[in-house]
Amino acid sequence: MAHKFFVVRAADIQPFTLPEGGTVFDSQLIIGPDEAGSSDLHLHRFTLHAHQVNDTGAHAENDEAYYVLSGRGRLLLGGRVPDGAGAEAFDLEPGITAFIPAGTTHGMENDTDEDLVMLTIWPRKPAPGANPIHTGRIQAWGTSFRLRPGRDYVESHAVKDRSSI
């Protein structure tokens, strides 16, 4: 159910991991069609856990952008699926932004002791089967978005007087 306005704490969103993925990563859809009602934007918080590797893959239809919030790791662009052999590697740290054109093979490595956390942005909802994480979430949950048990959306407050700002 889409809301008129959509404000939520990312920490209140249920993380999803592919069953065959073990504890490699968590993915949280923050903005998309199922809750926010967005038809033109998919915003995720992606966490690659410490000492893990996310296999390379490509999205034929969608560009993708990354913005690193915390942690460090490497982004692999180009190269062979699924191991990334022959890719170019770029170091990731907080504040790094990457644009990944549609069809570009990409993956990540985290060889540190802390999680690598980033926002991933798609310009539209992925086509069925285009992203295994998105497809897996819908197959497992019946939706692409779920709040953690006992959590809720951020409450709004009436605006009173802004003249003193």
C-alpha atoms as a PDB file:
ATOM      1  CA  MET A   1       0.000   0.000   0.000  1.00  0.00           C
ATOM      2  CA  ALA A   2       1.538   3.284  -1.091  1.00  0.00           C
ATOM      3  CA  HIS A   3       1.377   6.240   1.287  1.00  0.00           C
ATOM      4  CA  LYS A   4       0.781   9.894   0.407  1.00  0.00           C
ATOM      5  CA  PHE A   5       4.188  10.702   1.877  1.00  0.00           C
ATOM      6  CA  PHE A   6       6.807   8.109   2.648  1.00  0.00           C
ATOM      7  CA  VAL A   7       9.291   8.685   5.474  1.00  0.00           C
ATOM      8  CA  VAL A   8      10.947   5.701   7.123  1.00  0.00           C
ATOM      9  CA  ARG A   9      14.119   4.890   9.059  1.00  0.00           C
ATOM     10  CA  ALA A  10      16.277   2.532   7.011  1.00  0.00           C
ATOM     11  CA  ALA A  11      17.079   0.618  10.220  1.00  0.00           C
ATOM     12  CA  ASP A  12      13.350  -0.175  10.552  1.00  0.00           C
ATOM     13  CA  ILE A  13      13.227  -1.989   7.194  1.00  0.00           C
ATOM     14  CA  GLN A  14      13.537  -5.761   7.227  1.00  0.00           C
ATOM     15  CA  PRO A  15      16.786  -6.847   5.544  1.00  0.00           C
ATOM     16  CA  PHE A  16      16.642  -9.578   2.920  1.00  0.00           C
ATOM     17  CA  THR A  17      19.287 -12.129   1.997  1.00  0.00           C
ATOM     18  CA  LEU A  18      18.943 -14.695  -0.746  1.00  0.00           C
ATOM     19  CA  PRO A  19      18.556 -18.145   0.848  1.00  0.00           C
ATOM     20  CA  GLU A  20      21.522 -19.472  -1.139  1.00  0.00           C
ATOM     21  CA  GLY A  21      23.530 -16.315  -0.287  1.00  0.00           C
ATOM     22  CA  GLY A  22      24.098 -17.210   3.359  1.00  0.00           C
ATOM     23  CA  THR A  23      25.368 -14.218   5.297  1.00  0.00           C
ATOM     24  CA  VAL A  24      27.244 -12.521   2.437  1.00  0.00           C
ATOM     25  CA  PHE A  25      24.974  -9.463   2.270  1.00  0.00           C
ATOM     26  CA  ASP A  26      21.715  -7.834   3.348  1.00  0.00           C
ATOM     27  CA  SER A  27      19.496  -5.795   1.029  1.00  0.00           C
ATOM     28  CA  GLN A  28      16.809  -3.370   2.173  1.00  0.00           C
ATOM     29  CA  LEU A  29      14.478  -1.827  -0.393  1.00  0.00           C
ATOM     30  CA  ILE A  30      13.899   1.686   0.960  1.00  0.00           C
ATOM     31  CA  ILE A  31      11.932   3.296  -1.878  1.00  0.00           C
ATOM     32  CA  GLY A  32      10.074   1.372  -4.567  1.00  0.00           C
ATOM     33  CA  PRO A  33       6.595   0.643  -5.875  1.00  0.00           C
ATOM     34  CA  ASP A  34       5.171  -1.527  -3.104  1.00  0.00           C
ATOM     35  CA  GLU A  35       5.253   0.954  -0.230  1.00  0.00           C
ATOM     36  CA  ALA A  36       6.401   4.344  -1.458  1.00  0.00           C
ATOM     37  CA  GLY A  37       4.456   4.066  -4.708  1.00  0.00           C
ATOM     38  CA  SER A  38       7.483   5.064  -6.779  1.00  0.00           C
ATOM     39  CA  SER A  39       7.357   4.073 -10.429  1.00  0.00           C
ATOM     40  CA  ASP A  40      10.607   5.812 -11.382  1.00  0.00           C
ATOM     41  CA  LEU A  41      13.035   5.082  -8.548  1.00  0.00           C
ATOM     42  CA  HIS A  42      14.374   2.107  -6.612  1.00  0.00           C
ATOM     43  CA  LEU A  43      16.549   2.976  -3.609  1.00  0.00           C
ATOM     44  CA  HIS A  44      18.210   0.197  -1.602  1.00  0.00           C
ATOM     45  CA  ARG A  45      20.545   0.020   1.348  1.00  0.00           C
ATOM     46  CA  PHE A  46      23.011  -2.758   0.570  1.00  0.00           C
ATOM     47  CA  THR A  47      25.336  -4.207   3.198  1.00  0.00           C
ATOM     48  CA  LEU A  48      28.236  -6.429   2.143  1.00  0.00           C
ATOM     49  CA  HIS A  49      29.351  -8.089   5.346  1.00  0.00           C
ATOM     50  CA  ALA A  50      32.969  -8.212   6.521  1.00  0.00           C
ATOM     51  CA  HIS A  51      35.254 -10.642   4.669  1.00  0.00           C
ATOM     52  CA  GLN A  52      32.675 -11.396   1.963  1.00  0.00           C
ATOM     53  CA  VAL A  53      32.532 -11.312  -1.838  1.00  0.00           C
ATOM     54  CA  ASN A  54      29.455 -10.491  -3.915  1.00  0.00           C
ATOM     55  CA  ASP A  55      29.675 -12.375  -7.231  1.00  0.00           C
ATOM     56  CA  THR A  56      29.707 -10.306 -10.403  1.00  0.00           C
ATOM     57  CA  GLY A  57      26.642  -9.938 -12.590  1.00  0.00           C
ATOM     58  CA  ALA A  58      25.040  -7.408 -14.926  1.00  0.00           C
ATOM     59  CA  HIS A  59      21.642  -5.754 -15.409  1.00  0.00           C
ATOM     60  CA  ALA A  60      20.923  -5.483 -19.132  1.00  0.00           C
ATOM     61  CA  GLU A  61      18.094  -2.941 -18.813  1.00  0.00           C
ATOM     62  CA  ASN A  62      19.037  -0.712 -15.872  1.00  0.00           C
ATOM     63  CA  ASP A  63      21.794   1.726 -15.031  1.00  0.00           C
ATOM     64  CA  GLU A  64      22.759   1.639 -11.362  1.00  0.00           C
ATOM     65  CA  ALA A  65      24.480   4.081  -9.015  1.00  0.00           C
ATOM     66  CA  TYR A  66      26.229   3.441  -5.688  1.00  0.00           C
ATOM     67  CA  TYR A  67      26.881   5.831  -2.829  1.00  0.00           C
ATOM     68  CA  VAL A  68      29.052   4.462  -0.005  1.00  0.00           C
ATOM     69  CA  LEU A  69      27.814   5.314   3.505  1.00  0.00           C
ATOM     70  CA  SER A  70      30.322   3.400   5.644  1.00  0.00           C
ATOM     71  CA  GLY A  71      33.004   0.751   5.486  1.00  0.00           C
ATOM     72  CA  ARG A  72      35.558  -0.030   2.809  1.00  0.00           C
ATOM     73  CA  GLY A  73      35.872  -2.504  -0.029  1.00  0.00           C
ATOM     74  CA  ARG A  74      36.407  -2.825  -3.761  1.00  0.00           C
ATOM     75  CA  LEU A  75      34.071  -2.442  -6.711  1.00  0.00           C
ATOM     76  CA  LEU A  76      34.852  -4.652  -9.690  1.00  0.00           C
ATOM     77  CA  LEU A  77      33.712  -3.354 -13.088  1.00  0.00           C
ATOM     78  CA  GLY A  78      33.928  -5.369 -16.293  1.00  0.00           C
ATOM     79  CA  GLY A  79      35.442  -8.819 -16.248  1.00  0.00           C
ATOM     80  CA  ARG A  80      34.004 -12.298 -16.246  1.00  0.00           C
ATOM     81  CA  VAL A  81      30.786 -13.488 -14.569  1.00  0.00           C
ATOM     82  CA  PRO A  82      30.658 -14.714 -11.782  1.00  0.00           C
ATOM     83  CA  ASP A  83      34.241 -14.382 -10.510  1.00  0.00           C
ATOM     84  CA  GLY A  84      35.172 -10.936 -11.906  1.00  0.00           C
ATOM     85  CA  ALA A  85      38.401 -12.148 -13.538  1.00  0.00           C
ATOM     86  CA  GLY A  86      39.791  -9.372 -15.750  1.00  0.00           C
ATOM     87  CA  ALA A  87      37.745  -6.615 -14.074  1.00  0.00           C
ATOM     88  CA  GLU A  88      38.981  -3.166 -13.123  1.00  0.00           C
ATOM     89  CA  ALA A  89      38.972  -2.677  -9.326  1.00  0.00           C
ATOM     90  CA  PHE A  90      38.060   0.594  -7.602  1.00  0.00           C
ATOM     91  CA  ASP A  91      38.534   1.195  -3.870  1.00  0.00           C
ATOM     92  CA  LEU A  92      35.345   2.073  -1.997  1.00  0.00           C
ATOM     93  CA  GLU A  93      35.157   4.264   1.109  1.00  0.00           C
ATOM     94  CA  PRO A  94      32.547   6.616   2.594  1.00  0.00           C
ATOM     95  CA  GLY A  95      31.527   9.328   0.136  1.00  0.00           C
ATOM     96  CA  ILE A  96      32.514   7.413  -3.018  1.00  0.00           C
ATOM     97  CA  THR A  97      29.900   7.458  -5.778  1.00  0.00           C
ATOM     98  CA  ALA A  98      29.915   5.062  -8.740  1.00  0.00           C
ATOM     99  CA  PHE A  99      27.805   4.975 -11.889  1.00  0.00           C
ATOM    100  CA  ILE A 100      27.350   1.564 -13.508  1.00  0.00           C
ATOM    101  CA  PRO A 101      25.877   1.698 -17.041  1.00  0.00           C
ATOM    102  CA  ALA A 102      23.303  -0.944 -18.019  1.00  0.00           C
ATOM    103  CA  GLY A 103      24.954  -4.172 -19.120  1.00  0.00           C
ATOM    104  CA  THR A 104      28.192  -3.565 -17.173  1.00  0.00           C
ATOM    105  CA  THR A 105      29.452  -6.554 -15.218  1.00  0.00           C
ATOM    106  CA  HIS A 106      29.987  -5.566 -11.576  1.00  0.00           C
ATOM    107  CA  GLY A 107      30.616  -7.075  -8.162  1.00  0.00           C
ATOM    108  CA  MET A 108      32.163  -6.199  -4.806  1.00  0.00           C
ATOM    109  CA  GLU A 109      34.722  -7.451  -2.322  1.00  0.00           C
ATOM    110  CA  ASN A 110      35.037  -6.627   1.352  1.00  0.00           C
ATOM    111  CA  ASP A 111      38.257  -7.910   2.914  1.00  0.00           C
ATOM    112  CA  THR A 112      37.948  -5.729   6.036  1.00  0.00           C
ATOM    113  CA  ASP A 113      36.634  -6.376   9.555  1.00  0.00           C
ATOM    114  CA  GLU A 114      33.632  -4.051   9.132  1.00  0.00           C
ATOM    115  CA  ASP A 115      30.554  -4.103   6.929  1.00  0.00           C
ATOM    116  CA  LEU A 116      30.474  -2.096   3.696  1.00  0.00           C
ATOM    117  CA  VAL A 117      27.162  -0.174   3.595  1.00  0.00           C
ATOM    118  CA  MET A 118      25.950   1.729   0.544  1.00  0.00           C
ATOM    119  CA  LEU A 119      22.898   3.091  -1.171  1.00  0.00           C
ATOM    120  CA  THR A 120      22.150   1.553  -4.558  1.00  0.00           C
ATOM    121  CA  ILE A 121      19.889   3.450  -6.930  1.00  0.00           C
ATOM    122  CA  TRP A 122      18.009   2.210  -9.988  1.00  0.00           C
ATOM    123  CA  PRO A 123      16.049   4.520 -12.282  1.00  0.00           C
ATOM    124  CA  ARG A 124      13.041   2.166 -12.348  1.00  0.00           C
ATOM    125  CA  LYS A 125      11.654  -1.102 -11.054  1.00  0.00           C
ATOM    126  CA  PRO A 126      13.718  -4.037 -12.340  1.00  0.00           C
ATOM    127  CA  ALA A 127      12.097  -6.227 -14.985  1.00  0.00           C
ATOM    128  CA  PRO A 128      11.125  -9.691 -13.714  1.00  0.00           C
ATOM    129  CA  GLY A 129      14.293 -11.774 -13.399  1.00  0.00           C
ATOM    130  CA  ALA A 130      16.639  -8.805 -13.998  1.00  0.00           C
ATOM    131  CA  ASN A 131      17.876  -8.729 -10.389  1.00  0.00           C
ATOM    132  CA  PRO A 132      17.998 -11.963  -8.356  1.00  0.00           C
ATOM    133  CA  ILE A 133      17.794 -10.092  -5.039  1.00  0.00           C
ATOM    134  CA  HIS A 134      14.625  -8.215  -6.045  1.00  0.00           C
ATOM    135  CA  THR A 135      13.073 -11.362  -7.542  1.00  0.00           C
ATOM    136  CA  GLY A 136      14.014 -13.434  -4.472  1.00  0.00           C
ATOM    137  CA  ARG A 137      12.482 -10.889  -2.090  1.00  0.00           C
ATOM    138  CA  ILE A 138       9.165 -10.943  -3.967  1.00  0.00           C
ATOM    139  CA  GLN A 139       9.168 -14.756  -4.136  1.00  0.00           C
ATOM    140  CA  ALA A 140       9.927 -15.073  -0.402  1.00  0.00           C
ATOM    141  CA  TRP A 141       7.737 -12.257   0.937  1.00  0.00           C
ATOM    142  CA  GLY A 142       5.147 -11.628  -1.783  1.00  0.00           C
ATOM    143  CA  THR A 143       6.294  -7.996  -1.793  1.00  0.00           C
ATOM    144  CA  SER A 144       9.540  -6.077  -2.214  1.00  0.00           C
ATOM    145  CA  PHE A 145       9.210  -4.131   1.071  1.00  0.00           C
ATOM    146  CA  ARG A 146       8.733  -5.175   4.683  1.00  0.00           C
ATOM    147  CA  LEU A 147       9.175  -3.322   7.967  1.00  0.00           C
ATOM    148  CA  ARG A 148      10.857  -5.147  10.842  1.00  0.00           C
ATOM    149  CA  PRO A 149       8.351  -6.561  13.352  1.00  0.00           C
ATOM    150  CA  GLY A 150       7.132  -3.870  15.749  1.00  0.00           C
ATOM    151  CA  ARG A 151       8.485  -0.993  13.632  1.00  0.00           C
ATOM    152  CA  ASP A 152       6.502   1.763  11.919  1.00  0.00           C
ATOM    153  CA  TYR A 153       6.873   4.754   9.622  1.00  0.00           C
ATOM    154  CA  VAL A 154       8.206   8.091  10.876  1.00  0.00           C
ATOM    155  CA  GLU A 155       5.356  10.210  12.213  1.00  0.00           C
ATOM    156  CA  SER A 156       4.692  13.654  10.785  1.00  0.00           C
ATOM    157  CA  HIS A 157       4.203  16.856  12.786  1.00  0.00           C
ATOM    158  CA  ALA A 158       2.262  19.953  11.849  1.00  0.00           C
ATOM    159  CA  VAL A 159       4.354  22.933  10.771  1.00  0.00           C
ATOM    160  CA  LYS A 160       3.699  25.905  13.033  1.00  0.00           C
ATOM    161  CA  ASP A 161       5.827  28.995  12.580  1.00  0.00           C
ATOM    162  CA  ARG A 162       8.987  28.963  10.443  1.00  0.00           C
ATOM    163  CA  SER A 163       9.710  32.697  10.767  1.00  0.00           C
ATOM    164  CA  SER A 164      12.216  32.201  13.600  1.00  0.00           C
ATOM    165  CA  ILE A 165      14.451  29.881  11.564  1.00  0.00           C
END
